[in-house]
Structures are given as structure tokens and as C-alpha cells.
Amino acid sequence: MFTTPYGLISNENHQRATQIKLLICDVDGVFSDGRIYLGNDGEELKAFHTKDGFGMKAIMQMGIEIAIITGRQSNIVENRMQALGVTHIMQGIEDKMSAYQSLLNKLNLTSNEVAYIGDDVVDLAVMQACGLGIAVFDAHPLVLQGADLITTTKGGFGAVREICDLFLQCHSQLNTTQGKSQ
């Protein structure tokens, strides 16, 4: 077993994590708690955790790319991800597996070099196709059963940061990360 600040993970998952060059994330239920706030005028609001942003910036500086594949379309997501430097933002996607294959081809990666973090059944196919399929702690039960790794943190409360910290630790950079809240 391999010790992380969040607990133990299997040596197999640790080995898989060392190979990752691309982290693909769902949005609702992963970066947010899954709730969508709508105002009287149709305005949509989402809450993002700065811990996730800091972790994302840290692994991007280390050379790991980040992509977003989400079924919803939102200016909020576009703005947040662009502010963090994410260039692979795929929204309004019904077929996440096709988007996944497109990213593999575009970035010339193998499935073993990709991790995916999700929370619902629409994420399962990609989670199971990539090298490291990750479910947030409060994911749908079928997603929890199909995941290689389950975060100890709920979606919207730093689950993405937990995975970023794992990648940083695998490359001996967890304690040396510098920057500011994002």
C-alpha cells in the first residue's frame, strides 16, 4: 500500500498514477457539489473550490494536461477553466467516449496515460477505458463500484485537489509546490 495525505491507496493505483499525462474531469458533481443554482432571470451559478484550482495549476506546471468533458454547456465553466489555463474544454458532450478518443488522438496518448474523474453513470465508459478511473466520494453507487480509485473528498469540496496531490506526490513534488490560491 502507498500512503498519501488522504489515506492509503494500492501499489497498483500508485503505479498507474505515475504514468498519467492527462487528467480528464467531469464538472457537475466533481468541481461542484452537483447542484445548479438558477436565479429568477435564468442566471446559473456554480461554486468552485480554490483548492481544486491550486492543484490543477500545480500539475499543469509539472507537465500534466487537464481536459474537461461535460454534458452541460456553461459560460461559468468556460470562464473558470480558461482562468486556470485549461485549454481542452469540451462542453455539451453527449458521447463522452468519442470526446475521450478525440483527446487521445489529438494529444498522441495511450489510455494508460489518462486518468478520468467523474461522479455519474455517464462517466463510467471513459473511466473504465482509461488508465486510472476515479470516482468522487459521493458518486453514484455504480460509479463507485466501477472506479479504480475513490477520493476521500466529496465533489465540489476538493476532490480534484486530492487527485492532483496524488500526482504531485508520485513525482516527489507535493511538498515543493508553490503558487497562490486559484
C-alpha atoms as a PDB file:
ATOM      1  CA  MET A   1       0.000   0.000   0.000  1.00  0.00           C
ATOM      2  CA  PHE A   2       1.083   3.559  -0.740  1.00  0.00           C
ATOM      3  CA  THR A   3       0.467   6.308   1.829  1.00  0.00           C
ATOM      4  CA  THR A   4      -0.955   9.664   0.718  1.00  0.00           C
ATOM      5  CA  PRO A   5      -2.054  12.606   2.868  1.00  0.00           C
ATOM      6  CA  TYR A   6      -5.631  11.365   2.285  1.00  0.00           C
ATOM      7  CA  GLY A   7      -5.031   7.727   3.213  1.00  0.00           C
ATOM      8  CA  LEU A   8      -3.744   4.532   1.646  1.00  0.00           C
ATOM      9  CA  ILE A   9      -4.024   3.524  -1.997  1.00  0.00           C
ATOM     10  CA  SER A  10      -2.955   0.276  -3.616  1.00  0.00           C
ATOM     11  CA  ASN A  11       0.521  -0.038  -5.097  1.00  0.00           C
ATOM     12  CA  GLU A  12      -1.185  -0.763  -8.439  1.00  0.00           C
ATOM     13  CA  ASN A  13      -3.057   2.564  -8.375  1.00  0.00           C
ATOM     14  CA  HIS A  14       0.116   4.343  -7.314  1.00  0.00           C
ATOM     15  CA  GLN A  15       1.926   2.843 -10.301  1.00  0.00           C
ATOM     16  CA  ARG A  16      -0.936   3.863 -12.603  1.00  0.00           C
ATOM     17  CA  ALA A  17      -0.827   7.417 -11.223  1.00  0.00           C
ATOM     18  CA  THR A  18       2.873   7.753 -12.052  1.00  0.00           C
ATOM     19  CA  GLN A  19       2.063   7.190 -15.758  1.00  0.00           C
ATOM     20  CA  ILE A  20      -0.602   9.908 -16.079  1.00  0.00           C
ATOM     21  CA  LYS A  21      -0.062  12.686 -18.623  1.00  0.00           C
ATOM     22  CA  LEU A  22      -3.694  13.819 -18.933  1.00  0.00           C
ATOM     23  CA  LEU A  23      -6.388  14.267 -16.292  1.00  0.00           C
ATOM     24  CA  ILE A  24      -9.900  14.460 -17.729  1.00  0.00           C
ATOM     25  CA  CYS A  25     -12.591  15.834 -15.451  1.00  0.00           C
ATOM     26  CA  ASP A  26     -16.343  15.923 -15.487  1.00  0.00           C
ATOM     27  CA  VAL A  27     -17.668  19.170 -13.988  1.00  0.00           C
ATOM     28  CA  ASP A  28     -21.020  18.933 -12.186  1.00  0.00           C
ATOM     29  CA  GLY A  29     -20.569  16.697  -9.163  1.00  0.00           C
ATOM     30  CA  VAL A  30     -16.764  16.815  -9.459  1.00  0.00           C
ATOM     31  CA  PHE A  31     -15.748  20.501  -9.424  1.00  0.00           C
ATOM     32  CA  SER A  32     -19.095  21.401  -7.882  1.00  0.00           C
ATOM     33  CA  ASP A  33     -21.323  19.602  -5.429  1.00  0.00           C
ATOM     34  CA  GLY A  34     -23.623  18.771  -8.323  1.00  0.00           C
ATOM     35  CA  ARG A  35     -26.258  21.371  -7.532  1.00  0.00           C
ATOM     36  CA  ILE A  36     -27.126  24.058 -10.051  1.00  0.00           C
ATOM     37  CA  TYR A  37     -28.442  27.339  -8.699  1.00  0.00           C
ATOM     38  CA  LEU A  38     -30.820  29.191 -11.006  1.00  0.00           C
ATOM     39  CA  GLY A  39     -31.864  32.800 -10.415  1.00  0.00           C
ATOM     40  CA  ASN A  40     -35.248  34.281 -11.285  1.00  0.00           C
ATOM     41  CA  ASP A  41     -33.852  35.619 -14.560  1.00  0.00           C
ATOM     42  CA  GLY A  42     -32.351  32.249 -15.548  1.00  0.00           C
ATOM     43  CA  GLU A  43     -28.889  33.091 -14.270  1.00  0.00           C
ATOM     44  CA  GLU A  44     -26.925  29.955 -13.456  1.00  0.00           C
ATOM     45  CA  LEU A  45     -24.487  29.831 -10.546  1.00  0.00           C
ATOM     46  CA  LYS A  46     -21.916  27.233  -9.555  1.00  0.00           C
ATOM     47  CA  ALA A  47     -19.420  27.139  -6.713  1.00  0.00           C
ATOM     48  CA  PHE A  48     -15.831  26.055  -7.392  1.00  0.00           C
ATOM     49  CA  HIS A  49     -13.256  25.269  -4.713  1.00  0.00           C
ATOM     50  CA  THR A  50      -9.966  27.177  -4.787  1.00  0.00           C
ATOM     51  CA  LYS A  51      -8.152  24.049  -3.597  1.00  0.00           C
ATOM     52  CA  ASP A  52      -9.023  22.355  -6.872  1.00  0.00           C
ATOM     53  CA  GLY A  53      -7.731  25.331  -8.845  1.00  0.00           C
ATOM     54  CA  PHE A  54      -4.432  25.383  -6.970  1.00  0.00           C
ATOM     55  CA  GLY A  55      -3.924  21.655  -7.535  1.00  0.00           C
ATOM     56  CA  MET A  56      -4.733  21.955 -11.232  1.00  0.00           C
ATOM     57  CA  LYS A  57      -2.227  24.750 -11.737  1.00  0.00           C
ATOM     58  CA  ALA A  58       0.401  22.709  -9.877  1.00  0.00           C
ATOM     59  CA  ILE A  59       0.052  19.579 -12.014  1.00  0.00           C
ATOM     60  CA  MET A  60      -0.069  21.627 -15.216  1.00  0.00           C
ATOM     61  CA  GLN A  61       3.248  23.226 -14.203  1.00  0.00           C
ATOM     62  CA  MET A  62       4.555  19.696 -13.751  1.00  0.00           C
ATOM     63  CA  GLY A  63       3.516  18.815 -17.309  1.00  0.00           C
ATOM     64  CA  ILE A  64       0.199  17.003 -16.827  1.00  0.00           C
ATOM     65  CA  GLU A  65      -2.510  18.287 -19.158  1.00  0.00           C
ATOM     66  CA  ILE A  66      -6.094  18.787 -17.998  1.00  0.00           C
ATOM     67  CA  ALA A  67      -9.240  18.408 -20.064  1.00  0.00           C
ATOM     68  CA  ILE A  68     -12.886  18.958 -19.280  1.00  0.00           C
ATOM     69  CA  ILE A  69     -15.624  16.781 -20.775  1.00  0.00           C
ATOM     70  CA  THR A  70     -19.091  17.733 -19.586  1.00  0.00           C
ATOM     71  CA  GLY A  71     -22.607  17.214 -20.819  1.00  0.00           C
ATOM     72  CA  ARG A  72     -23.771  20.693 -19.878  1.00  0.00           C
ATOM     73  CA  GLN A  73     -22.865  23.947 -21.608  1.00  0.00           C
ATOM     74  CA  SER A  74     -21.998  26.838 -19.304  1.00  0.00           C
ATOM     75  CA  ASN A  75     -20.174  30.146 -19.631  1.00  0.00           C
ATOM     76  CA  ILE A  76     -19.260  29.792 -15.966  1.00  0.00           C
ATOM     77  CA  VAL A  77     -17.301  26.613 -16.680  1.00  0.00           C
ATOM     78  CA  GLU A  78     -15.645  28.138 -19.752  1.00  0.00           C
ATOM     79  CA  ASN A  79     -14.550  31.206 -17.765  1.00  0.00           C
ATOM     80  CA  ARG A  80     -13.311  29.228 -14.763  1.00  0.00           C
ATOM     81  CA  MET A  81     -11.313  26.743 -16.805  1.00  0.00           C
ATOM     82  CA  GLN A  82      -9.800  29.406 -19.054  1.00  0.00           C
ATOM     83  CA  ALA A  83      -8.769  31.371 -15.954  1.00  0.00           C
ATOM     84  CA  LEU A  84      -6.940  28.264 -14.741  1.00  0.00           C
ATOM     85  CA  GLY A  85      -5.205  27.740 -18.099  1.00  0.00           C
ATOM     86  CA  VAL A  86      -7.179  24.663 -19.196  1.00  0.00           C
ATOM     87  CA  THR A  87      -7.232  24.580 -22.999  1.00  0.00           C
ATOM     88  CA  HIS A  88      -9.152  21.344 -23.611  1.00  0.00           C
ATOM     89  CA  ILE A  89     -12.701  22.339 -22.669  1.00  0.00           C
ATOM     90  CA  MET A  90     -15.394  20.164 -24.209  1.00  0.00           C
ATOM     91  CA  GLN A  91     -18.937  21.138 -23.205  1.00  0.00           C
ATOM     92  CA  GLY A  92     -22.362  19.983 -24.325  1.00  0.00           C
ATOM     93  CA  ILE A  93     -20.957  16.499 -24.951  1.00  0.00           C
ATOM     94  CA  GLU A  94     -23.426  13.610 -25.060  1.00  0.00           C
ATOM     95  CA  ASP A  95     -20.924  10.966 -26.149  1.00  0.00           C
ATOM     96  CA  LYS A  96     -18.027  11.284 -23.710  1.00  0.00           C
ATOM     97  CA  MET A  97     -16.274   8.253 -25.181  1.00  0.00           C
ATOM     98  CA  SER A  98     -15.933   9.940 -28.591  1.00  0.00           C
ATOM     99  CA  ALA A  99     -14.572  13.075 -26.895  1.00  0.00           C
ATOM    100  CA  TYR A 100     -12.115  10.885 -24.959  1.00  0.00           C
ATOM    101  CA  GLN A 101     -10.909   9.194 -28.168  1.00  0.00           C
ATOM    102  CA  SER A 102     -10.541  12.607 -29.807  1.00  0.00           C
ATOM    103  CA  LEU A 103      -8.311  13.783 -26.953  1.00  0.00           C
ATOM    104  CA  LEU A 104      -6.170  10.640 -27.134  1.00  0.00           C
ATOM    105  CA  ASN A 105      -5.625  11.217 -30.842  1.00  0.00           C
ATOM    106  CA  LYS A 106      -5.044  14.963 -30.529  1.00  0.00           C
ATOM    107  CA  LEU A 107      -2.500  14.591 -27.717  1.00  0.00           C
ATOM    108  CA  ASN A 108      -0.973  11.338 -29.033  1.00  0.00           C
ATOM    109  CA  LEU A 109      -1.572   9.490 -25.769  1.00  0.00           C
ATOM    110  CA  THR A 110      -2.397   5.911 -24.846  1.00  0.00           C
ATOM    111  CA  SER A 111      -5.232   5.069 -22.481  1.00  0.00           C
ATOM    112  CA  ASN A 112      -2.711   4.147 -19.745  1.00  0.00           C
ATOM    113  CA  GLU A 113      -1.540   7.771 -19.710  1.00  0.00           C
ATOM    114  CA  VAL A 114      -5.007   9.134 -18.922  1.00  0.00           C
ATOM    115  CA  ALA A 115      -6.966   9.482 -15.688  1.00  0.00           C
ATOM    116  CA  TYR A 116     -10.648  10.399 -15.571  1.00  0.00           C
ATOM    117  CA  ILE A 117     -12.594  11.666 -12.573  1.00  0.00           C
ATOM    118  CA  GLY A 118     -16.381  11.500 -12.569  1.00  0.00           C
ATOM    119  CA  ASP A 119     -19.462  11.066 -10.442  1.00  0.00           C
ATOM    120  CA  ASP A 120     -22.311   9.616 -12.505  1.00  0.00           C
ATOM    121  CA  VAL A 121     -23.090   6.704 -14.814  1.00  0.00           C
ATOM    122  CA  VAL A 122     -22.405   8.751 -17.973  1.00  0.00           C
ATOM    123  CA  ASP A 123     -18.771   8.806 -16.829  1.00  0.00           C
ATOM    124  CA  LEU A 124     -18.358   5.043 -16.488  1.00  0.00           C
ATOM    125  CA  ALA A 125     -17.348   4.162 -20.044  1.00  0.00           C
ATOM    126  CA  VAL A 126     -14.466   6.629 -20.076  1.00  0.00           C
ATOM    127  CA  MET A 127     -13.467   5.791 -16.501  1.00  0.00           C
ATOM    128  CA  GLN A 128     -13.148   2.138 -17.426  1.00  0.00           C
ATOM    129  CA  ALA A 129     -11.345   2.820 -20.722  1.00  0.00           C
ATOM    130  CA  CYS A 130      -8.564   4.962 -19.277  1.00  0.00           C
ATOM    131  CA  GLY A 131      -5.565   4.010 -17.177  1.00  0.00           C
ATOM    132  CA  LEU A 132      -6.947   5.326 -13.883  1.00  0.00           C
ATOM    133  CA  GLY A 133     -10.694   5.713 -13.372  1.00  0.00           C
ATOM    134  CA  ILE A 134     -11.523   7.868 -10.360  1.00  0.00           C
ATOM    135  CA  ALA A 135     -14.847   8.448  -8.624  1.00  0.00           C
ATOM    136  CA  VAL A 136     -15.529  11.231  -6.163  1.00  0.00           C
ATOM    137  CA  PHE A 137     -16.538  10.060  -2.687  1.00  0.00           C
ATOM    138  CA  ASP A 138     -20.228  10.864  -3.198  1.00  0.00           C
ATOM    139  CA  ALA A 139     -20.520   9.426  -6.720  1.00  0.00           C
ATOM    140  CA  HIS A 140     -23.406   7.243  -7.874  1.00  0.00           C
ATOM    141  CA  PRO A 141     -23.097   3.694  -6.420  1.00  0.00           C
ATOM    142  CA  LEU A 142     -22.465   2.137  -9.856  1.00  0.00           C
ATOM    143  CA  VAL A 143     -19.627   4.598 -10.458  1.00  0.00           C
ATOM    144  CA  LEU A 144     -18.119   3.777  -7.074  1.00  0.00           C
ATOM    145  CA  GLN A 145     -18.212   0.075  -7.988  1.00  0.00           C
ATOM    146  CA  GLY A 146     -16.547   0.684 -11.365  1.00  0.00           C
ATOM    147  CA  ALA A 147     -13.784   3.016 -10.172  1.00  0.00           C
ATOM    148  CA  ASP A 148     -10.130   2.115  -9.709  1.00  0.00           C
ATOM    149  CA  LEU A 149      -9.824   4.797  -7.037  1.00  0.00           C
ATOM    150  CA  ILE A 150     -12.342   6.679  -4.888  1.00  0.00           C
ATOM    151  CA  THR A 151     -11.496  10.048  -3.378  1.00  0.00           C
ATOM    152  CA  THR A 152     -11.973  10.615   0.325  1.00  0.00           C
ATOM    153  CA  THR A 153     -13.369  14.057  -0.527  1.00  0.00           C
ATOM    154  CA  LYS A 154     -16.799  14.842  -1.975  1.00  0.00           C
ATOM    155  CA  GLY A 155     -17.243  16.519  -5.331  1.00  0.00           C
ATOM    156  CA  GLY A 156     -17.042  20.302  -5.017  1.00  0.00           C
ATOM    157  CA  PHE A 157     -15.082  20.124  -1.792  1.00  0.00           C
ATOM    158  CA  GLY A 158     -11.546  19.487  -3.046  1.00  0.00           C
ATOM    159  CA  ALA A 159     -11.832  16.057  -4.712  1.00  0.00           C
ATOM    160  CA  VAL A 160      -9.892  17.243  -7.769  1.00  0.00           C
ATOM    161  CA  ARG A 161      -7.176  18.630  -5.486  1.00  0.00           C
ATOM    162  CA  GLU A 162      -6.900  15.235  -3.799  1.00  0.00           C
ATOM    163  CA  ILE A 163      -6.082  13.647  -7.157  1.00  0.00           C
ATOM    164  CA  CYS A 164      -3.732  16.471  -8.115  1.00  0.00           C
ATOM    165  CA  ASP A 165      -1.900  15.948  -4.812  1.00  0.00           C
ATOM    166  CA  LEU A 166      -1.560  12.250  -5.643  1.00  0.00           C
ATOM    167  CA  PHE A 167       0.076  13.083  -8.982  1.00  0.00           C
ATOM    168  CA  LEU A 168       2.346  15.626  -7.315  1.00  0.00           C
ATOM    169  CA  GLN A 169       3.343  13.103  -4.654  1.00  0.00           C
ATOM    170  CA  CYS A 170       4.039  10.427  -7.282  1.00  0.00           C
ATOM    171  CA  HIS A 171       6.568  12.824  -8.818  1.00  0.00           C
ATOM    172  CA  SER A 172       8.028  13.949  -5.455  1.00  0.00           C
ATOM    173  CA  GLN A 173       6.661  17.478  -5.903  1.00  0.00           C
ATOM    174  CA  LEU A 174       3.875  17.627  -3.307  1.00  0.00           C
ATOM    175  CA  ASN A 175       5.918  19.419  -0.653  1.00  0.00           C
ATOM    176  CA  THR A 176       7.609  21.769  -3.127  1.00  0.00           C
ATOM    177  CA  THR A 177       4.521  23.179  -4.860  1.00  0.00           C
ATOM    178  CA  GLN A 178       4.413  26.982  -4.922  1.00  0.00           C
ATOM    179  CA  GLY A 179       1.784  29.440  -6.086  1.00  0.00           C
ATOM    180  CA  LYS A 180      -1.366  31.166  -4.957  1.00  0.00           C
ATOM    181  CA  SER A 181      -4.996  30.201  -4.468  1.00  0.00           C
ATOM    182  CA  GLN A 182      -6.831  29.811  -7.706  1.00  0.00           C
END
